[in-house]
C-alpha atoms as a PDB file:
ATOM      1  CA  THR A   1      -0.260  17.734  -4.174  1.00  0.00           C
ATOM      2  CA  ASP A   2       1.625  14.120  -6.345  1.00  0.00           C
ATOM      3  CA  SER A   3       4.593  15.172  -7.810  1.00  0.00           C
ATOM      4  CA  LYS A   4       5.128  13.191 -11.234  1.00  0.00           C
ATOM      5  CA  PHE A   5       8.276  14.031 -11.289  1.00  0.00           C
ATOM      6  CA  TYR A   6       9.514  12.113  -7.657  1.00  0.00           C
ATOM      7  CA  ARG A   7       7.013   9.542  -8.373  1.00  0.00           C
ATOM      8  CA  TRP A   8       8.818   8.948 -11.941  1.00  0.00           C
ATOM      9  CA  LEU A   9      12.320   8.837  -9.986  1.00  0.00           C
ATOM     10  CA  THR A  10      10.738   6.444  -7.535  1.00  0.00           C
ATOM     11  CA  TYR A  11      10.012   4.015  -9.778  1.00  0.00           C
ATOM     12  CA  LEU A  12      12.804   4.442 -11.397  1.00  0.00           C
ATOM     13  CA  TYR A  13      14.890   3.258  -8.069  1.00  0.00           C
ATOM     14  CA  ILE A  14      12.586   0.873  -7.564  1.00  0.00           C
ATOM     15  CA  ASP A  15      12.861  -1.095 -10.802  1.00  0.00           C
ATOM     16  CA  ALA A  16      16.928  -0.871  -9.895  1.00  0.00           C
ATOM     17  CA  VAL A  17      16.356  -2.249  -6.480  1.00  0.00           C
ATOM     18  CA  PHE A  18      14.243  -5.539  -7.897  1.00  0.00           C
ATOM     19  CA  VAL A  19      16.868  -6.102 -10.539  1.00  0.00           C
ATOM     20  CA  ILE A  20      19.953  -6.571  -8.221  1.00  0.00           C
ATOM     21  CA  LEU A  21      18.113  -8.503  -5.656  1.00  0.00           C
ATOM     22  CA  GLN A  22      16.812 -10.625  -8.536  1.00  0.00           C
ATOM     23  CA  THR A  23      13.245 -10.433  -7.295  1.00  0.00           C
ATOM     24  CA  ARG A  24      10.750 -12.384 -10.084  1.00  0.00           C
ATOM     25  CA  PHE A  25       7.028 -11.507  -9.159  1.00  0.00           C
ATOM     26  CA  HIS A  26       3.600 -12.954 -10.672  1.00  0.00           C
ATOM     27  CA  THR A  27       0.391 -11.076 -10.594  1.00  0.00           C
ATOM     28  CA  THR A  28      -3.135 -12.538 -10.913  1.00  0.00           C
ATOM     29  CA  GLY A  29      -6.638 -10.637 -10.745  1.00  0.00           C
ATOM     30  CA  LEU A  30      -5.496  -7.190 -11.483  1.00  0.00           C
ATOM     31  CA  GLU A  31      -9.160  -7.222 -13.409  1.00  0.00           C
ATOM     32  CA  ASN A  32     -10.502  -7.248 -10.290  1.00  0.00           C
ATOM     33  CA  VAL A  33      -9.082  -3.598  -9.870  1.00  0.00           C
ATOM     34  CA  PRO A  34     -11.488  -0.486 -11.136  1.00  0.00           C
ATOM     35  CA  LYS A  35     -11.206   0.625 -14.025  1.00  0.00           C
ATOM     36  CA  ASP A  36     -12.749   4.142 -13.061  1.00  0.00           C
ATOM     37  CA  GLY A  37     -12.660   6.401  -9.943  1.00  0.00           C
ATOM     38  CA  ARG A  38     -10.778   5.612  -7.104  1.00  0.00           C
ATOM     39  CA  PHE A  39     -10.045   3.411  -4.351  1.00  0.00           C
ATOM     40  CA  LEU A  40      -8.303   1.724  -0.962  1.00  0.00           C
ATOM     41  CA  LEU A  41      -5.990  -1.206  -1.545  1.00  0.00           C
ATOM     42  CA  VAL A  42      -5.760  -3.269   1.718  1.00  0.00           C
ATOM     43  CA  CYS A  43      -2.826  -6.033   1.810  1.00  0.00           C
ATOM     44  CA  ASN A  44      -1.073  -8.358   4.248  1.00  0.00           C
ATOM     45  CA  HIS A  45       2.350  -7.157   5.580  1.00  0.00           C
ATOM     46  CA  ARG A  46       4.780  -9.839   5.626  1.00  0.00           C
ATOM     47  CA  SER A  47       8.079  -7.614   4.751  1.00  0.00           C
ATOM     48  CA  ASN A  48       9.927  -3.888   4.171  1.00  0.00           C
ATOM     49  CA  PHE A  49       9.716  -5.022   1.022  1.00  0.00           C
ATOM     50  CA  ASP A  50       5.753  -5.410   0.486  1.00  0.00           C
ATOM     51  CA  PRO A  51       4.973  -1.453  -0.021  1.00  0.00           C
ATOM     52  CA  ILE A  52       7.570  -1.143  -2.956  1.00  0.00           C
ATOM     53  CA  LEU A  53       6.821  -4.347  -4.767  1.00  0.00           C
ATOM     54  CA  THR A  54       3.143  -3.174  -4.218  1.00  0.00           C
ATOM     55  CA  TRP A  55       3.915   0.030  -6.001  1.00  0.00           C
ATOM     56  CA  GLN A  56       6.243  -1.562  -8.826  1.00  0.00           C
ATOM     57  CA  ILE A  57       3.225  -4.225  -9.874  1.00  0.00           C
ATOM     58  CA  MET A  58       0.782  -1.499  -9.599  1.00  0.00           C
ATOM     59  CA  ARG A  59       2.457   1.603 -10.787  1.00  0.00           C
ATOM     60  CA  LYS A  60      -0.533   2.729 -13.043  1.00  0.00           C
ATOM     61  CA  TYR A  61      -2.717   3.098 -10.285  1.00  0.00           C
ATOM     62  CA  ASP A  62      -0.522   5.951  -8.783  1.00  0.00           C
ATOM     63  CA  LEU A  63      -0.753   4.479  -5.083  1.00  0.00           C
ATOM     64  CA  ALA A  64      -0.018   6.604  -1.889  1.00  0.00           C
ATOM     65  CA  PHE A  65       0.939   4.525   0.810  1.00  0.00           C
ATOM     66  CA  VAL A  66      -0.110   5.016   4.694  1.00  0.00           C
ATOM     67  CA  SER A  67       2.989   4.430   6.595  1.00  0.00           C
ATOM     68  CA  LYS A  68       4.551   4.579   9.561  1.00  0.00           C
ATOM     69  CA  PRO A  69       6.544   7.979  10.341  1.00  0.00           C
ATOM     70  CA  GLU A  70      10.029   6.475  10.394  1.00  0.00           C
ATOM     71  CA  ASN A  71       9.837   5.544   6.389  1.00  0.00           C
ATOM     72  CA  PHE A  72       9.501   9.742   6.300  1.00  0.00           C
ATOM     73  CA  GLY A  73      13.122   9.509   7.971  1.00  0.00           C
ATOM     74  CA  ILE A  74      14.484   7.622   5.449  1.00  0.00           C
ATOM     75  CA  PRO A  75      17.584  10.020   3.420  1.00  0.00           C
ATOM     76  CA  ILE A  76      16.295  10.547   0.412  1.00  0.00           C
ATOM     77  CA  PHE A  77      13.446   8.195   0.070  1.00  0.00           C
ATOM     78  CA  GLY A  78      11.505   9.383   3.057  1.00  0.00           C
ATOM     79  CA  ARG A  79      11.585  13.065   1.017  1.00  0.00           C
ATOM     80  CA  PHE A  80      10.402  11.502  -2.294  1.00  0.00           C
ATOM     81  CA  ILE A  81       7.360   9.282  -0.678  1.00  0.00           C
ATOM     82  CA  ARG A  82       5.891  12.821   0.812  1.00  0.00           C
ATOM     83  CA  ARG A  83       5.919  14.209  -2.655  1.00  0.00           C
ATOM     84  CA  CYS A  84       4.479  10.971  -3.550  1.00  0.00           C
ATOM     85  CA  CYS A  85       1.268  11.522  -1.194  1.00  0.00           C
ATOM     86  CA  PHE A  86       2.448   9.224   1.328  1.00  0.00           C
ATOM     87  CA  LEU A  87       0.924  10.086   4.709  1.00  0.00           C
ATOM     88  CA  ALA A  88       2.653   9.356   7.676  1.00  0.00           C
ATOM     89  CA  ILE A  89       0.400   7.678  10.401  1.00  0.00           C
ATOM     90  CA  ASP A  90       0.516   7.691  14.282  1.00  0.00           C
ATOM     91  CA  ARG A  91      -0.367   4.223  15.594  1.00  0.00           C
ATOM     92  CA  GLU A  92       0.364   5.079  19.464  1.00  0.00           C
ATOM     93  CA  ASN A  93      -2.329   8.387  19.325  1.00  0.00           C
ATOM     94  CA  PRO A  94      -5.733   7.022  17.862  1.00  0.00           C
ATOM     95  CA  LYS A  95      -6.563  10.794  17.858  1.00  0.00           C
ATOM     96  CA  ASN A  96      -3.611  11.708  15.329  1.00  0.00           C
ATOM     97  CA  ALA A  97      -4.504   8.128  13.286  1.00  0.00           C
ATOM     98  CA  LEU A  98      -7.944  10.100  12.722  1.00  0.00           C
ATOM     99  CA  VAL A  99      -6.109  13.299  11.030  1.00  0.00           C
ATOM    100  CA  THR A 100      -4.301  10.777   8.575  1.00  0.00           C
ATOM    101  CA  ILE A 101      -7.271   8.803   7.856  1.00  0.00           C
ATOM    102  CA  ARG A 102      -9.134  11.838   6.819  1.00  0.00           C
ATOM    103  CA  GLU A 103      -6.242  12.931   5.211  1.00  0.00           C
ATOM    104  CA  ALA A 104      -6.163   9.743   2.941  1.00  0.00           C
ATOM    105  CA  ALA A 105     -10.255  10.185   2.609  1.00  0.00           C
ATOM    106  CA  SER A 106      -9.450  13.754   1.437  1.00  0.00           C
ATOM    107  CA  LEU A 107      -6.747  12.242  -1.418  1.00  0.00           C
ATOM    108  CA  LEU A 108      -9.643   9.796  -2.611  1.00  0.00           C
ATOM    109  CA  GLU A 109     -12.576  12.173  -2.669  1.00  0.00           C
ATOM    110  CA  ASN A 110     -10.222  15.276  -4.787  1.00  0.00           C
ATOM    111  CA  ASP A 111      -9.429  12.506  -6.929  1.00  0.00           C
ATOM    112  CA  GLU A 112      -5.234  12.794  -6.511  1.00  0.00           C
ATOM    113  CA  VAL A 113      -4.137   9.051  -6.076  1.00  0.00           C
ATOM    114  CA  ASN A 114      -5.297   5.568  -4.480  1.00  0.00           C
ATOM    115  CA  VAL A 115      -4.338   4.836  -1.078  1.00  0.00           C
ATOM    116  CA  ALA A 116      -2.881   1.588  -0.010  1.00  0.00           C
ATOM    117  CA  ILE A 117      -2.822   0.665   3.953  1.00  0.00           C
ATOM    118  CA  TYR A 118      -1.942  -2.157   5.619  1.00  0.00           C
ATOM    119  CA  PRO A 119      -4.427  -3.169   8.261  1.00  0.00           C
ATOM    120  CA  GLU A 120      -2.598  -5.327  10.089  1.00  0.00           C
ATOM    121  CA  GLY A 121      -1.219  -1.946  11.026  1.00  0.00           C
ATOM    122  CA  THR A 122       2.883  -3.956  11.404  1.00  0.00           C
ATOM    123  CA  ARG A 123       4.212  -6.307   9.685  1.00  0.00           C
ATOM    124  CA  SER A 124       3.807  -9.930  10.896  1.00  0.00           C
ATOM    125  CA  LYS A 125       6.949 -11.439  11.012  1.00  0.00           C
ATOM    126  CA  ASP A 126       5.661 -15.525  11.317  1.00  0.00           C
ATOM    127  CA  CYS A 127       3.939 -14.851   8.448  1.00  0.00           C
ATOM    128  CA  VAL A 128       0.624 -15.094   9.920  1.00  0.00           C
ATOM    129  CA  LEU A 129      -2.176 -12.858   9.289  1.00  0.00           C
ATOM    130  CA  LEU A 130      -2.422  -9.968  12.121  1.00  0.00           C
ATOM    131  CA  PRO A 131      -6.280  -8.636  13.100  1.00  0.00           C
ATOM    132  CA  PHE A 132      -6.830  -5.902  11.128  1.00  0.00           C
ATOM    133  CA  HIS A 133      -7.321  -2.433  12.786  1.00  0.00           C
ATOM    134  CA  ASN A 134     -10.869  -1.026  12.014  1.00  0.00           C
ATOM    135  CA  GLY A 135     -10.198   3.170  11.147  1.00  0.00           C
ATOM    136  CA  VAL A 136      -8.355   2.020   7.893  1.00  0.00           C
ATOM    137  CA  PHE A 137     -11.945   1.189   6.579  1.00  0.00           C
ATOM    138  CA  LYS A 138     -13.202   4.607   7.720  1.00  0.00           C
ATOM    139  CA  ILE A 139     -11.102   5.905   4.814  1.00  0.00           C
ATOM    140  CA  ALA A 140     -13.265   3.705   2.051  1.00  0.00           C
ATOM    141  CA  GLN A 141     -16.198   4.754   4.063  1.00  0.00           C
ATOM    142  CA  ARG A 142     -15.681   8.679   4.296  1.00  0.00           C
ATOM    143  CA  ALA A 143     -14.574   8.717   0.383  1.00  0.00           C
ATOM    144  CA  ASN A 144     -16.967   6.335  -0.457  1.00  0.00           C
ATOM    145  CA  VAL A 145     -14.688   4.259  -2.500  1.00  0.00           C
ATOM    146  CA  PRO A 146     -14.627   0.646  -3.027  1.00  0.00           C
ATOM    147  CA  ILE A 147     -11.970  -1.803  -1.460  1.00  0.00           C
ATOM    148  CA  VAL A 148      -9.253  -4.062  -3.486  1.00  0.00           C
ATOM    149  CA  VAL A 149      -8.126  -7.111  -1.378  1.00  0.00           C
ATOM    150  CA  ALA A 150      -4.833  -8.137  -2.345  1.00  0.00           C
ATOM    151  CA  ALA A 151      -2.284 -10.705  -0.822  1.00  0.00           C
ATOM    152  CA  ILE A 152       1.144 -10.834  -1.339  1.00  0.00           C
ATOM    153  CA  GLN A 153       3.727 -13.864  -0.315  1.00  0.00           C
ATOM    154  CA  GLY A 154       7.167 -14.257  -0.899  1.00  0.00           C
ATOM    155  CA  THR A 155       8.564 -11.084  -0.118  1.00  0.00           C
ATOM    156  CA  GLU A 156       9.845 -12.074   3.341  1.00  0.00           C
ATOM    157  CA  GLN A 157      12.344 -14.826   1.492  1.00  0.00           C
ATOM    158  CA  ILE A 158      13.752 -11.403  -0.407  1.00  0.00           C
ATOM    159  CA  HIS A 159      16.727 -10.565   2.088  1.00  0.00           C
ATOM    160  CA  LYS A 160      17.675 -14.085   2.652  1.00  0.00           C
ATOM    161  CA  ASN A 161      17.867 -14.722  -1.336  1.00  0.00           C
ATOM    162  CA  TRP A 162      19.181 -11.919  -3.092  1.00  0.00           C
ATOM    163  CA  TYR A 163      23.265 -12.995  -2.948  1.00  0.00           C
ATOM    164  CA  ARG A 164      22.051 -16.684  -3.720  1.00  0.00           C
ATOM    165  CA  GLY A 165      19.044 -16.120  -6.994  1.00  0.00           C
ATOM    166  CA  ARG A 166      16.451 -15.307  -7.405  1.00  0.00           C
ATOM    167  CA  THR A 167      13.011 -14.920  -5.038  1.00  0.00           C
ATOM    168  CA  ARG A 168       9.939 -15.299  -7.036  1.00  0.00           C
ATOM    169  CA  VAL A 169       7.044 -13.294  -4.998  1.00  0.00           C
ATOM    170  CA  GLN A 170       3.359 -13.969  -5.709  1.00  0.00           C
ATOM    171  CA  PHE A 171       0.613 -10.873  -5.771  1.00  0.00           C
ATOM    172  CA  GLU A 172      -2.560 -11.453  -6.077  1.00  0.00           C
ATOM    173  CA  ILE A 173      -6.021  -9.009  -6.274  1.00  0.00           C
ATOM    174  CA  LEU A 174      -8.740 -11.686  -4.544  1.00  0.00           C
ATOM    175  CA  GLU A 175     -11.602  -9.078  -4.673  1.00  0.00           C
ATOM    176  CA  THR A 176     -12.871  -5.756  -5.193  1.00  0.00           C
ATOM    177  CA  ILE A 177     -15.214  -4.906  -2.208  1.00  0.00           C
ATOM    178  CA  PRO A 178     -17.701  -2.578  -3.671  1.00  0.00           C
ATOM    179  CA  PRO A 179     -18.261   1.331  -2.140  1.00  0.00           C
ATOM    180  CA  GLU A 180     -21.957   0.056  -1.278  1.00  0.00           C
ATOM    181  CA  PHE A 181     -21.158  -2.437   0.760  1.00  0.00           C
ATOM    182  CA  VAL A 182     -18.679  -0.535   2.934  1.00  0.00           C
ATOM    183  CA  ALA A 183     -21.085   2.282   3.107  1.00  0.00           C
ATOM    184  CA  GLU A 184     -23.818  -0.546   4.483  1.00  0.00           C
ATOM    185  CA  ASN A 185     -20.908  -2.144   7.104  1.00  0.00           C
ATOM    186  CA  ARG A 186     -19.662  -1.043  10.324  1.00  0.00           C
ATOM    187  CA  THR A 187     -16.230  -1.359  11.771  1.00  0.00           C
ATOM    188  CA  VAL A 188     -16.149  -3.028  15.456  1.00  0.00           C
END
């Protein structure tokens, strides 16, 4: 169950992090986010700051990320994200990954939170879009929800710039793919 208290504490922490890191973000396309019902957010992945920045920008949408298991071992933070419905995915074992996909779909079906995932499965250190893992789209198909497609730029500069000055990050909602289209199409 999603904890509003832990979610509030995490937002407070994230607010402080971006003040310290002197990060400014510009957002566009938020009008493309569905007003009613749940959705699956997919985005490119450039740095470790992507999830917390996305979580900050989209805070009114109660996001829960599908994340690598190592993030749940981070002292204090791991406990907080677990209480905010984040899910660990085993990227090495497809059978275990399918369990997480089902759990994510269940969160959407039960109207608990919106789910966010990086279909590339890992960060692109060269800032080149990596191939998508097909299984992530099964979340939207199982839950019969739209897919909100986002793009992020500039987060890979945050760790380089924080002591020198501001980093500007661009976050854009590109489009929302309706659930009917998601249901009619198959992943390869």
